[in-house]
Amino acid sequence: MASSDREHPSEHQPHASGGVSTRLSAAEIHDNVSEPAREEMERSALALAASAFQSGLAIAFSFLAGAFAASLVAPLHAHAAAAAAYPLGFILVILARSELFTENTLRPVIPLLEERSARALWRTLRLWGLLLAGNLAGAALIGWVLARSAVVDAPVREQLDVIAATTTSGGFGLVFYRAIFAGWLIALLTWMLAATHATGAQIALIWLCTAPIAALHFRHSIAGAVEAFYRVAGGSAPLGEMLGGFVVPAVLGNTVGGVVLVALLSYAQVAADEPSRDERPIA
């Protein structure tokens, strides 16, 4: 249903200054998420896989930017500097309209909750599978390149080693738990990005929602996979340990955080205000 057909009024309220607020209602943001998600789920497998592979490559700039920033400051401030630079990869991926699996713990779930059909579930699982495979393939390739080539100088490489070891440590339980918070932030970011088309505002939102992931040692499955595969390629960790101890729990935690804490709750607040939503015909 188009937002113009809703019973929910937009929050276009007059300001005291005579201007008009353009803050969108939750229902309008819902539609801005839902309609593009339906189109995305109809894309070809090749298009989705290519977009996801590109994201898996580009997200490595979070790893690189963090290491570079950390190499410039005293050890006491290295973590803060790395966290401040960490959003770069996300900015590049999101503004390029490439596909991250973690963004899609929100988008396709909204149409799924609306339709509640086997077809919608299949389309969601298909999208997730293609994006996750493409993201991890890109992360594996760029992780290998960073580990096996002289792409960075020694001071930056030292920080790459430190950051990768820290990010992928903790074991299944800790990684899963901290990944829930990262998934929550990324899905919340996706919801908020649907409220604005202004590039400057989008960059600010991306920074605000992704810098805490690095700062608070949360775990992002795709950005962290670059670091996990970097360790494997560099010989500092076996593949099985990185897959079972990091990638799998991070993917699961990100999914729980995005689906439960954002997708379900965001849909619920809109559906609760519009009981007739579930009775509308499905195209």
Protein backbone atom coordinates (compact mmCIF):
# COMPACT_ATOMS: atom_id res chain seq x y z
CA MET A 1 0.00 0.00 0.00
CA ALA A 2 1.42 3.37 -0.93
CA SER A 3 1.99 5.76 1.89
CA SER A 4 -0.54 8.16 0.39
CA ASP A 5 -3.26 5.56 1.01
CA ARG A 6 -2.54 5.23 4.72
CA GLU A 7 -4.66 6.38 7.57
CA HIS A 8 -1.45 7.52 9.25
CA PRO A 9 -0.80 11.21 8.71
CA SER A 10 2.70 12.22 7.74
CA GLU A 11 4.50 14.24 10.32
CA HIS A 12 4.51 17.31 8.09
CA GLN A 13 3.67 19.69 10.91
CA PRO A 14 4.11 23.46 10.75
CA HIS A 15 7.02 24.85 12.70
CA ALA A 16 6.81 28.01 14.74
CA SER A 17 9.08 29.61 12.16
CA GLY A 18 6.54 28.98 9.43
CA GLY A 19 8.45 26.06 7.90
CA VAL A 20 7.23 22.52 7.51
CA SER A 21 8.70 19.44 9.16
CA THR A 22 9.43 16.61 6.75
CA ARG A 23 10.06 13.96 9.41
CA LEU A 24 8.49 10.75 8.18
CA SER A 25 6.15 8.64 10.25
CA ALA A 26 7.02 5.05 11.10
CA ALA A 27 4.41 3.91 8.58
CA GLU A 28 6.05 5.93 5.80
CA ILE A 29 9.49 4.59 6.66
CA HIS A 30 7.97 1.11 6.64
CA ASP A 31 6.81 1.62 3.06
CA ASN A 32 10.18 3.06 2.05
CA VAL A 33 11.74 -0.18 3.29
CA SER A 34 9.11 -2.61 2.04
CA GLU A 35 8.61 -1.58 -1.57
CA PRO A 36 12.32 -1.58 -2.58
CA ALA A 37 12.75 -4.87 -0.72
CA ARG A 38 10.09 -6.50 -2.89
CA GLU A 39 11.91 -5.31 -6.00
CA GLU A 40 15.24 -6.51 -4.63
CA MET A 41 13.92 -10.01 -4.04
CA GLU A 42 12.91 -10.24 -7.71
CA ARG A 43 16.44 -9.51 -9.00
CA SER A 44 18.36 -12.26 -10.74
CA ALA A 45 20.70 -14.49 -8.79
CA LEU A 46 23.66 -13.19 -10.78
CA ALA A 47 22.83 -9.55 -10.03
CA LEU A 48 22.46 -10.21 -6.31
CA ALA A 49 25.62 -12.32 -6.12
CA ALA A 50 27.67 -9.70 -7.99
CA SER A 51 26.42 -6.91 -5.73
CA ALA A 52 27.14 -8.99 -2.64
CA PHE A 53 30.63 -9.91 -3.86
CA GLN A 54 31.39 -6.23 -4.42
CA SER A 55 30.28 -5.48 -0.87
CA GLY A 56 32.47 -8.23 0.54
CA LEU A 57 35.45 -6.62 -1.17
CA ALA A 58 34.66 -3.00 -0.33
CA ILE A 59 33.86 -3.60 3.34
CA ALA A 60 37.60 -4.31 3.78
CA PHE A 61 38.16 -0.55 3.80
CA SER A 62 36.79 -0.56 7.35
CA PHE A 63 39.61 -2.93 8.31
CA LEU A 64 42.21 -0.91 6.40
CA ALA A 65 41.02 2.49 7.60
CA GLY A 66 40.96 1.34 11.19
CA ALA A 67 44.49 -0.04 10.97
CA PHE A 68 45.78 3.09 9.27
CA ALA A 69 44.21 5.38 11.88
CA ALA A 70 45.54 3.25 14.73
CA SER A 71 49.06 3.38 13.26
CA LEU A 72 49.08 7.17 13.47
CA VAL A 73 48.50 7.56 17.20
CA ALA A 74 49.93 6.39 20.50
CA PRO A 75 48.92 2.88 21.63
CA LEU A 76 46.63 4.36 24.29
CA HIS A 77 44.49 5.99 21.61
CA ALA A 78 44.81 3.35 18.89
CA HIS A 79 41.47 1.67 19.56
CA ALA A 80 39.54 4.95 19.55
CA ALA A 81 41.21 6.02 16.32
CA ALA A 82 40.42 2.69 14.68
CA ALA A 83 36.79 2.91 15.76
CA ALA A 84 36.45 6.43 14.37
CA ALA A 85 37.74 5.27 10.97
CA TYR A 86 35.83 1.96 10.94
CA PRO A 87 32.69 3.33 9.20
CA LEU A 88 34.54 3.98 5.93
CA GLY A 89 33.81 0.57 4.44
CA PHE A 90 30.13 0.83 5.33
CA ILE A 91 29.90 4.29 3.80
CA LEU A 92 31.40 3.01 0.55
CA VAL A 93 29.17 -0.06 0.43
CA ILE A 94 25.90 1.65 1.31
CA LEU A 95 26.32 4.73 -0.87
CA ALA A 96 27.36 2.49 -3.78
CA ARG A 97 24.06 0.59 -3.31
CA SER A 98 25.86 -2.71 -2.93
CA GLU A 99 24.27 -5.43 -0.83
CA LEU A 100 25.33 -6.48 2.66
CA PHE A 101 23.71 -9.50 4.26
CA THR A 102 23.30 -7.62 7.54
CA GLU A 103 21.26 -4.81 5.98
CA ASN A 104 18.89 -7.47 4.75
CA THR A 105 18.02 -8.81 8.17
CA LEU A 106 15.47 -5.98 8.00
CA ARG A 107 14.44 -5.30 4.41
CA PRO A 108 13.07 -8.63 3.14
CA VAL A 109 11.65 -9.50 6.55
CA ILE A 110 9.10 -6.67 6.33
CA PRO A 111 7.42 -8.08 3.17
CA LEU A 112 7.64 -11.56 4.73
CA LEU A 113 5.77 -10.37 7.81
CA GLU A 114 3.15 -8.75 5.60
CA GLU A 115 2.57 -11.72 3.31
CA ARG A 116 3.33 -14.63 5.68
CA SER A 117 3.43 -17.10 2.81
CA ALA A 118 5.72 -19.92 1.70
CA ARG A 119 6.59 -17.90 -1.39
CA ALA A 120 7.68 -14.91 0.68
CA LEU A 121 9.73 -17.15 2.97
CA TRP A 122 11.46 -18.76 -0.02
CA ARG A 123 12.29 -15.37 -1.54
CA THR A 124 13.74 -14.21 1.77
CA LEU A 125 15.88 -17.33 2.21
CA ARG A 126 17.03 -17.13 -1.42
CA LEU A 127 18.08 -13.50 -0.95
CA TRP A 128 19.89 -14.26 2.29
CA GLY A 129 21.72 -17.22 0.80
CA LEU A 130 22.91 -15.34 -2.27
CA LEU A 131 23.99 -12.28 -0.31
CA LEU A 132 25.77 -14.22 2.40
CA ALA A 133 27.63 -16.37 -0.12
CA GLY A 134 28.64 -13.35 -2.19
CA ASN A 135 29.69 -11.31 0.83
CA LEU A 136 31.84 -14.11 2.25
CA ALA A 137 33.43 -14.84 -1.12
CA GLY A 138 34.43 -11.19 -1.49
CA ALA A 139 35.67 -11.07 2.10
CA ALA A 140 37.75 -14.21 1.57
CA LEU A 141 39.38 -12.84 -1.56
CA ILE A 142 40.26 -9.44 -0.14
CA GLY A 143 41.42 -11.01 3.13
CA TRP A 144 43.82 -13.20 1.15
CA VAL A 145 45.08 -10.21 -0.85
CA LEU A 146 45.74 -8.16 2.28
CA ALA A 147 47.57 -11.03 3.96
CA ARG A 148 49.64 -12.19 1.00
CA SER A 149 50.61 -8.96 -0.76
CA ALA A 150 52.55 -5.83 0.12
CA VAL A 151 49.51 -3.59 -0.18
CA VAL A 152 50.25 -1.76 3.10
CA ASP A 153 53.37 -0.63 4.94
CA ALA A 154 54.72 -2.38 8.03
CA PRO A 155 53.13 -0.07 10.66
CA VAL A 156 49.69 -0.55 9.14
CA ARG A 157 50.22 -4.31 8.80
CA GLU A 158 51.06 -4.52 12.50
CA GLN A 159 47.72 -2.91 13.29
CA LEU A 160 45.92 -5.20 10.84
CA ASP A 161 47.29 -8.14 12.82
CA VAL A 162 46.21 -6.65 16.14
CA ILE A 163 42.72 -5.70 14.98
CA ALA A 164 42.10 -9.05 13.27
CA ALA A 165 43.18 -11.03 16.33
CA THR A 166 41.01 -8.93 18.65
CA THR A 167 37.93 -9.00 16.45
CA THR A 168 37.92 -12.75 15.87
CA SER A 169 38.64 -13.75 19.48
CA GLY A 170 36.24 -14.76 22.22
CA GLY A 171 34.74 -18.05 21.07
CA PHE A 172 31.28 -18.96 19.83
CA GLY A 173 29.20 -17.67 22.75
CA LEU A 174 30.83 -14.26 23.13
CA VAL A 175 30.92 -13.65 19.38
CA PHE A 176 27.24 -14.60 19.05
CA TYR A 177 26.19 -12.34 21.93
CA ARG A 178 28.15 -9.32 20.71
CA ALA A 179 27.00 -9.92 17.13
CA ILE A 180 23.40 -9.43 18.25
CA PHE A 181 24.21 -5.82 19.08
CA ALA A 182 25.97 -5.26 15.77
CA GLY A 183 23.00 -6.73 13.89
CA TRP A 184 20.68 -4.48 15.89
CA LEU A 185 22.68 -1.38 14.93
CA ILE A 186 22.95 -2.26 11.23
CA ALA A 187 19.25 -3.05 10.85
CA LEU A 188 18.38 0.11 12.78
CA LEU A 189 20.65 2.01 10.40
CA THR A 190 18.80 0.52 7.42
CA TRP A 191 15.48 1.61 8.90
CA MET A 192 16.71 5.16 9.50
CA LEU A 193 18.31 5.46 6.05
CA ALA A 194 14.84 4.92 4.59
CA ALA A 195 13.82 8.23 6.18
CA THR A 196 16.18 10.44 4.17
CA HIS A 197 17.62 10.83 0.68
CA ALA A 198 20.20 13.44 1.74
CA THR A 199 23.70 12.05 1.24
CA GLY A 200 25.18 14.05 4.10
CA ALA A 201 22.53 12.78 6.50
CA GLN A 202 23.08 9.23 5.31
CA ILE A 203 26.83 9.46 5.90
CA ALA A 204 26.21 10.82 9.41
CA LEU A 205 23.79 7.98 10.18
CA ILE A 206 26.21 5.37 8.87
CA TRP A 207 29.00 6.76 11.04
CA LEU A 208 26.80 6.97 14.14
CA CYS A 209 25.59 3.39 13.79
CA THR A 210 28.81 1.66 12.75
CA ALA A 211 31.52 3.37 14.79
CA PRO A 212 30.08 1.85 18.01
CA ILE A 213 30.49 -1.64 16.51
CA ALA A 214 34.26 -1.23 16.54
CA ALA A 215 34.39 0.94 19.65
CA LEU A 216 32.41 -1.51 21.80
CA HIS A 217 33.87 -4.70 20.32
CA PHE A 218 30.61 -5.83 18.78
CA ARG A 219 30.94 -8.34 15.94
CA HIS A 220 29.89 -7.71 12.35
CA SER A 221 29.83 -10.93 10.36
CA ILE A 222 30.97 -9.57 6.99
CA ALA A 223 33.44 -6.88 8.05
CA GLY A 224 34.81 -9.35 10.59
CA ALA A 225 34.99 -12.10 7.98
CA VAL A 226 37.60 -10.05 6.13
CA GLU A 227 39.68 -10.13 9.29
CA ALA A 228 39.01 -13.84 9.85
CA PHE A 229 40.08 -14.76 6.33
CA TYR A 230 43.06 -12.42 6.67
CA ARG A 231 44.21 -14.47 9.65
CA VAL A 232 43.69 -17.74 7.78
CA ALA A 233 45.65 -16.52 4.74
CA GLY A 234 48.41 -15.20 6.99
CA GLY A 235 48.71 -18.49 8.85
CA SER A 236 47.82 -17.16 12.31
CA ALA A 237 44.55 -19.12 12.61
CA PRO A 238 43.10 -22.27 11.01
CA LEU A 239 40.08 -22.03 8.72
CA GLY A 240 37.90 -24.24 10.92
CA GLU A 241 38.50 -22.05 13.95
CA MET A 242 37.63 -18.88 12.05
CA LEU A 243 34.48 -20.36 10.52
CA GLY A 244 33.18 -22.12 13.63
CA GLY A 245 34.44 -19.64 16.19
CA PHE A 246 33.69 -16.41 14.37
CA VAL A 247 31.83 -16.44 11.04
CA VAL A 248 29.00 -18.80 12.03
CA PRO A 249 28.20 -17.22 15.43
CA ALA A 250 28.55 -13.71 13.99
CA VAL A 251 26.09 -14.47 11.18
CA LEU A 252 23.63 -16.01 13.64
CA GLY A 253 23.96 -13.14 16.11
CA ASN A 254 23.61 -10.46 13.43
CA THR A 255 20.48 -12.21 12.15
CA VAL A 256 18.90 -12.38 15.60
CA GLY A 257 19.70 -8.73 16.31
CA GLY A 258 18.36 -7.48 12.99
CA VAL A 259 15.26 -9.64 12.73
CA VAL A 260 14.09 -9.61 16.35
CA LEU A 261 15.18 -6.21 17.65
CA VAL A 262 14.43 -4.16 14.53
CA ALA A 263 12.38 -5.95 11.86
CA LEU A 264 9.79 -7.51 14.18
CA LEU A 265 9.49 -4.50 16.47
CA SER A 266 9.40 -1.95 13.65
CA TYR A 267 6.73 -3.94 11.84
CA ALA A 268 4.76 -4.38 15.06
CA GLN A 269 4.57 -0.66 15.78
CA VAL A 270 3.14 -0.02 12.32
CA ALA A 271 0.83 -3.04 12.18
CA ALA A 272 -0.55 -2.31 15.65
CA ASP A 273 -1.66 1.15 14.52
CA GLU A 274 -3.21 -0.21 11.34
CA PRO A 275 -5.12 -3.45 11.99
CA SER A 276 -6.46 -3.47 8.46
CA ARG A 277 -2.94 -3.92 7.04
CA ASP A 278 -3.07 -7.71 7.28
CA GLU A 279 -6.44 -7.78 5.49
CA ARG A 280 -5.31 -5.98 2.37
CA PRO A 281 -5.00 -8.01 -0.86
CA ILE A 282 -1.51 -9.22 -1.74
CA ALA A 283 -0.33 -8.35 -5.23
